[in-house]
Protein backbone atom coordinates (compact mmCIF):
# COMPACT_ATOMS: atom_id res chain seq x y z
CA MET A 1 0.48 44.92 39.82
CA SER A 2 -2.17 44.26 42.74
CA ASP A 3 -2.05 47.91 43.57
CA LEU A 4 -2.99 48.75 40.01
CA LYS A 5 -5.67 46.31 40.02
CA ALA A 6 -7.18 47.55 43.40
CA GLU A 7 -7.13 51.14 42.32
CA LEU A 8 -8.84 50.29 38.84
CA ARG A 9 -11.23 47.97 40.60
CA ARG A 10 -12.27 50.65 43.24
CA ARG A 11 -12.80 53.53 40.63
CA SER A 12 -14.93 51.43 38.13
CA LEU A 13 -17.21 49.81 40.98
CA ALA A 14 -17.67 53.21 42.14
CA ARG A 15 -18.99 54.29 38.71
CA ARG A 16 -21.02 51.22 38.47
CA ASP A 17 -22.73 52.13 41.90
CA LEU A 18 -24.04 55.37 40.28
CA ILE A 19 -26.16 53.72 37.58
CA ALA A 20 -29.58 55.04 38.05
CA PRO A 21 -32.58 52.43 38.62
CA HIS A 22 -34.14 53.11 35.25
CA GLU A 23 -30.87 52.83 33.53
CA ALA A 24 -30.43 49.59 35.11
CA HIS A 25 -33.74 48.19 34.12
CA GLU A 26 -33.15 49.15 30.27
CA ALA A 27 -29.80 47.55 30.43
CA ALA A 28 -31.19 44.32 31.92
CA ALA A 29 -33.77 44.20 29.02
CA SER A 30 -31.11 45.08 26.19
CA VAL A 31 -28.68 42.37 27.59
CA ALA A 32 -31.45 39.79 27.75
CA ARG A 33 -32.46 40.31 24.20
CA ARG A 34 -29.00 40.38 22.83
CA GLY A 35 -27.70 37.60 25.08
CA VAL A 36 -30.12 34.99 23.66
CA ALA A 37 -29.07 35.96 20.24
CA LEU A 38 -25.35 35.66 21.25
CA VAL A 39 -25.99 32.07 22.81
CA ALA A 40 -27.62 31.09 19.53
CA GLY A 41 -24.67 32.52 17.48
CA PHE A 42 -22.21 30.64 19.53
CA ALA A 43 -24.19 27.30 19.62
CA ARG A 44 -24.45 27.68 15.83
CA ASP A 45 -20.75 28.27 15.25
CA ALA A 46 -19.68 25.05 17.60
CA LYS A 47 -22.26 22.83 15.87
CA LEU A 48 -23.35 21.30 19.35
CA SER A 49 -25.71 18.29 19.15
CA ALA A 50 -27.97 19.55 21.96
CA PRO A 51 -28.70 22.84 23.42
CA PRO A 52 -25.64 24.27 25.16
CA VAL A 53 -25.57 24.48 29.15
CA VAL A 54 -25.26 28.23 29.94
CA SER A 55 -24.03 29.52 33.20
CA VAL A 56 -25.33 33.14 34.11
CA TYR A 57 -24.59 34.75 37.35
CA TRP A 58 -27.30 35.84 39.73
CA PRO A 59 -26.91 39.56 40.40
CA ILE A 60 -25.64 41.00 43.70
CA ARG A 61 -24.90 44.47 44.61
CA SER A 62 -24.89 46.86 41.57
CA GLU A 63 -24.02 44.24 38.90
CA LEU A 64 -25.99 44.57 35.83
CA ASN A 65 -29.24 42.40 36.39
CA THR A 66 -29.20 39.07 34.62
CA ARG A 67 -32.56 37.71 35.80
CA SER A 68 -34.44 38.63 32.53
CA LEU A 69 -31.51 37.05 30.48
CA ILE A 70 -32.04 33.77 32.56
CA ASP A 71 -35.66 33.69 31.95
CA ALA A 72 -35.41 34.45 28.24
CA LEU A 73 -32.70 31.52 27.92
CA ALA A 74 -34.92 29.13 29.64
CA ALA A 75 -37.77 30.26 27.64
CA GLU A 76 -35.92 29.22 24.51
CA GLY A 77 -35.02 25.86 25.72
CA TYR A 78 -31.40 26.26 26.99
CA ARG A 79 -30.12 24.53 29.91
CA VAL A 80 -29.57 27.16 32.48
CA THR A 81 -27.10 26.74 35.61
CA LEU A 82 -26.18 29.03 38.32
CA PRO A 83 -22.60 29.16 39.80
CA VAL A 84 -21.99 27.88 43.24
CA MET A 85 -18.92 29.09 45.14
CA HIS A 86 -17.23 26.77 47.61
CA LYS A 87 -13.78 28.37 48.22
CA VAL A 88 -11.93 31.39 47.14
CA ARG A 89 -9.57 30.86 44.09
CA GLN A 90 -11.11 27.41 43.65
CA PRO A 91 -13.36 26.47 40.46
CA LEU A 92 -17.14 27.18 40.71
CA VAL A 93 -19.56 24.24 40.69
CA PHE A 94 -22.52 24.82 38.21
CA ARG A 95 -26.05 23.54 39.42
CA ALA A 96 -29.31 23.34 37.08
CA PHE A 97 -31.65 26.29 37.63
CA ALA A 98 -35.10 27.04 36.23
CA PRO A 99 -37.08 30.20 36.87
CA GLY A 100 -39.15 29.72 39.97
CA ASP A 101 -36.71 27.44 41.53
CA ASP A 102 -35.93 28.28 45.21
CA LEU A 103 -32.51 29.54 45.92
CA VAL A 104 -30.52 29.02 49.08
CA LYS A 105 -27.91 31.26 50.70
CA GLY A 106 -24.56 29.69 50.16
CA PRO A 107 -21.36 29.92 52.48
CA PHE A 108 -20.45 33.32 51.17
CA GLY A 109 -23.77 34.84 51.34
CA LEU A 110 -24.69 34.27 47.58
CA SER A 111 -28.00 33.00 46.21
CA GLU A 112 -27.25 29.67 44.81
CA PRO A 113 -29.26 26.56 43.76
CA SER A 114 -29.29 23.79 46.37
CA ASP A 115 -26.83 20.80 46.42
CA ASP A 116 -29.49 18.53 45.28
CA LYS A 117 -29.66 20.17 41.84
CA PRO A 118 -27.78 18.19 39.20
CA ALA A 119 -24.31 19.85 38.40
CA TYR A 120 -23.28 20.48 34.88
CA ASP A 121 -20.18 21.94 32.99
CA PRO A 122 -21.24 24.80 31.06
CA ASP A 123 -20.34 25.55 27.49
CA ILE A 124 -21.07 29.23 27.72
CA VAL A 125 -20.37 31.33 30.96
CA PHE A 126 -21.70 34.84 31.49
CA SER A 127 -19.54 36.29 34.13
CA PRO A 128 -19.79 39.72 36.23
CA LEU A 129 -16.70 41.85 36.43
CA ALA A 130 -15.35 45.03 38.08
CA ALA A 131 -13.76 46.30 34.70
CA PHE A 132 -12.89 45.43 31.05
CA ASP A 133 -10.86 46.48 28.14
CA ARG A 134 -11.46 46.13 24.52
CA ARG A 135 -8.60 43.40 23.95
CA GLY A 136 -10.98 41.10 25.89
CA PHE A 137 -9.48 41.16 29.54
CA ARG A 138 -11.63 41.41 32.44
CA LEU A 139 -10.86 42.51 36.00
CA GLY A 140 -12.63 40.59 38.64
CA TYR A 141 -13.33 41.18 42.26
CA GLY A 142 -10.05 39.85 43.44
CA GLY A 143 -10.98 36.33 44.17
CA GLY A 144 -9.60 34.76 41.16
CA ILE A 145 -12.60 32.40 41.01
CA TYR A 146 -13.50 33.17 37.45
CA ASP A 147 -10.23 32.59 36.25
CA ALA A 148 -9.69 29.21 38.03
CA THR A 149 -13.11 28.27 36.81
CA LEU A 150 -12.39 28.96 33.06
CA SER A 151 -8.95 27.65 33.34
CA ALA A 152 -10.37 24.08 34.60
CA LEU A 153 -13.40 24.12 32.22
CA ARG A 154 -11.14 25.03 29.17
CA ALA A 155 -8.84 22.03 30.01
CA ASN A 156 -11.59 19.77 29.21
CA LYS A 157 -13.50 21.36 26.35
CA PRO A 158 -13.95 24.82 24.29
CA VAL A 159 -15.95 27.02 26.86
CA VAL A 160 -17.24 30.68 25.56
CA ALA A 161 -16.70 33.35 28.24
CA VAL A 162 -18.97 36.38 27.97
CA GLY A 163 -18.28 39.28 30.22
CA VAL A 164 -21.36 41.53 31.46
CA ALA A 165 -20.93 45.11 32.51
CA TYR A 166 -22.09 48.67 32.21
CA SER A 167 -20.13 50.74 29.47
CA CYS A 168 -18.90 52.97 32.42
CA GLN A 169 -16.65 49.97 33.64
CA GLU A 170 -14.67 50.16 30.49
CA ALA A 171 -10.87 50.64 30.86
CA ASP A 172 -8.17 51.53 28.59
CA HIS A 173 -5.94 48.71 29.60
CA VAL A 174 -6.69 45.96 32.22
CA PRO A 175 -3.40 44.86 33.98
CA ILE A 176 -3.12 41.00 33.36
CA GLU A 177 -1.03 38.20 34.81
CA PRO A 178 -0.32 34.84 33.14
CA HIS A 179 -3.25 33.11 35.13
CA ASP A 180 -5.88 35.76 33.78
CA GLN A 181 -8.34 34.15 31.33
CA ARG A 182 -9.54 36.03 28.14
CA LEU A 183 -13.03 36.84 27.41
CA ASP A 184 -14.78 35.52 23.92
CA ALA A 185 -17.22 38.43 24.07
CA LEU A 186 -18.60 41.23 26.22
CA MET A 187 -22.13 42.71 26.70
CA THR A 188 -22.82 46.05 28.05
CA GLU A 189 -26.05 48.15 27.83
CA GLN A 190 -24.89 49.81 24.64
CA GLU A 191 -23.07 47.04 22.75
CA THR A 192 -21.87 43.56 22.28
CA LEU A 193 -18.00 42.94 21.42
CA ARG A 194 -16.63 39.65 20.10
CA PHE A 195 -12.95 39.31 20.56
CA ALA A 196 -10.56 37.50 18.20
CA THR A 197 -8.45 34.49 19.49
CA ALA A 198 -5.15 35.95 19.15
CA VAL A 199 -4.09 38.69 21.45
CA ALA A 200 -2.63 41.91 19.85
């Protein structure tokens, strides 16, 4: 299983690395526009009494750029958090972020809010990934962090997981294990997918 996942991860990320700058720019704008509408729809469906807390990853390497999405969500009054990583295979912590806030380098080299920013459990989590399929399964980077995080969050309340990727990262079938958490939706530069609760 680990060999299958590693090979799929390698091939999918190699395709992602070939995305041209103008394609990346257009993808970021498209995801930002549709991402705000997706969050509004989930908030409406959940009948939340306050604006949902939304976690969005801060992009690294060739990940689809979410900075425009962060700006758009903040402008609409949503409470935005960024993930903070402490240990591999351990749940993330989510700290408040507003556009313009300074970020610090975390222990794993990621840009993160500083420890003095308040922590919140998000209602909606936008997650990066290496590959995805149309059943709603994601292949991460191998650390098990988002699976551990979603499992911990979902033990306490309903949490919507939205994968973000380029269409070239789609796989016919992502190999899954019992601990793998399913996505509720996935956004690419081309489309937004919503997944049914039951796995076929």
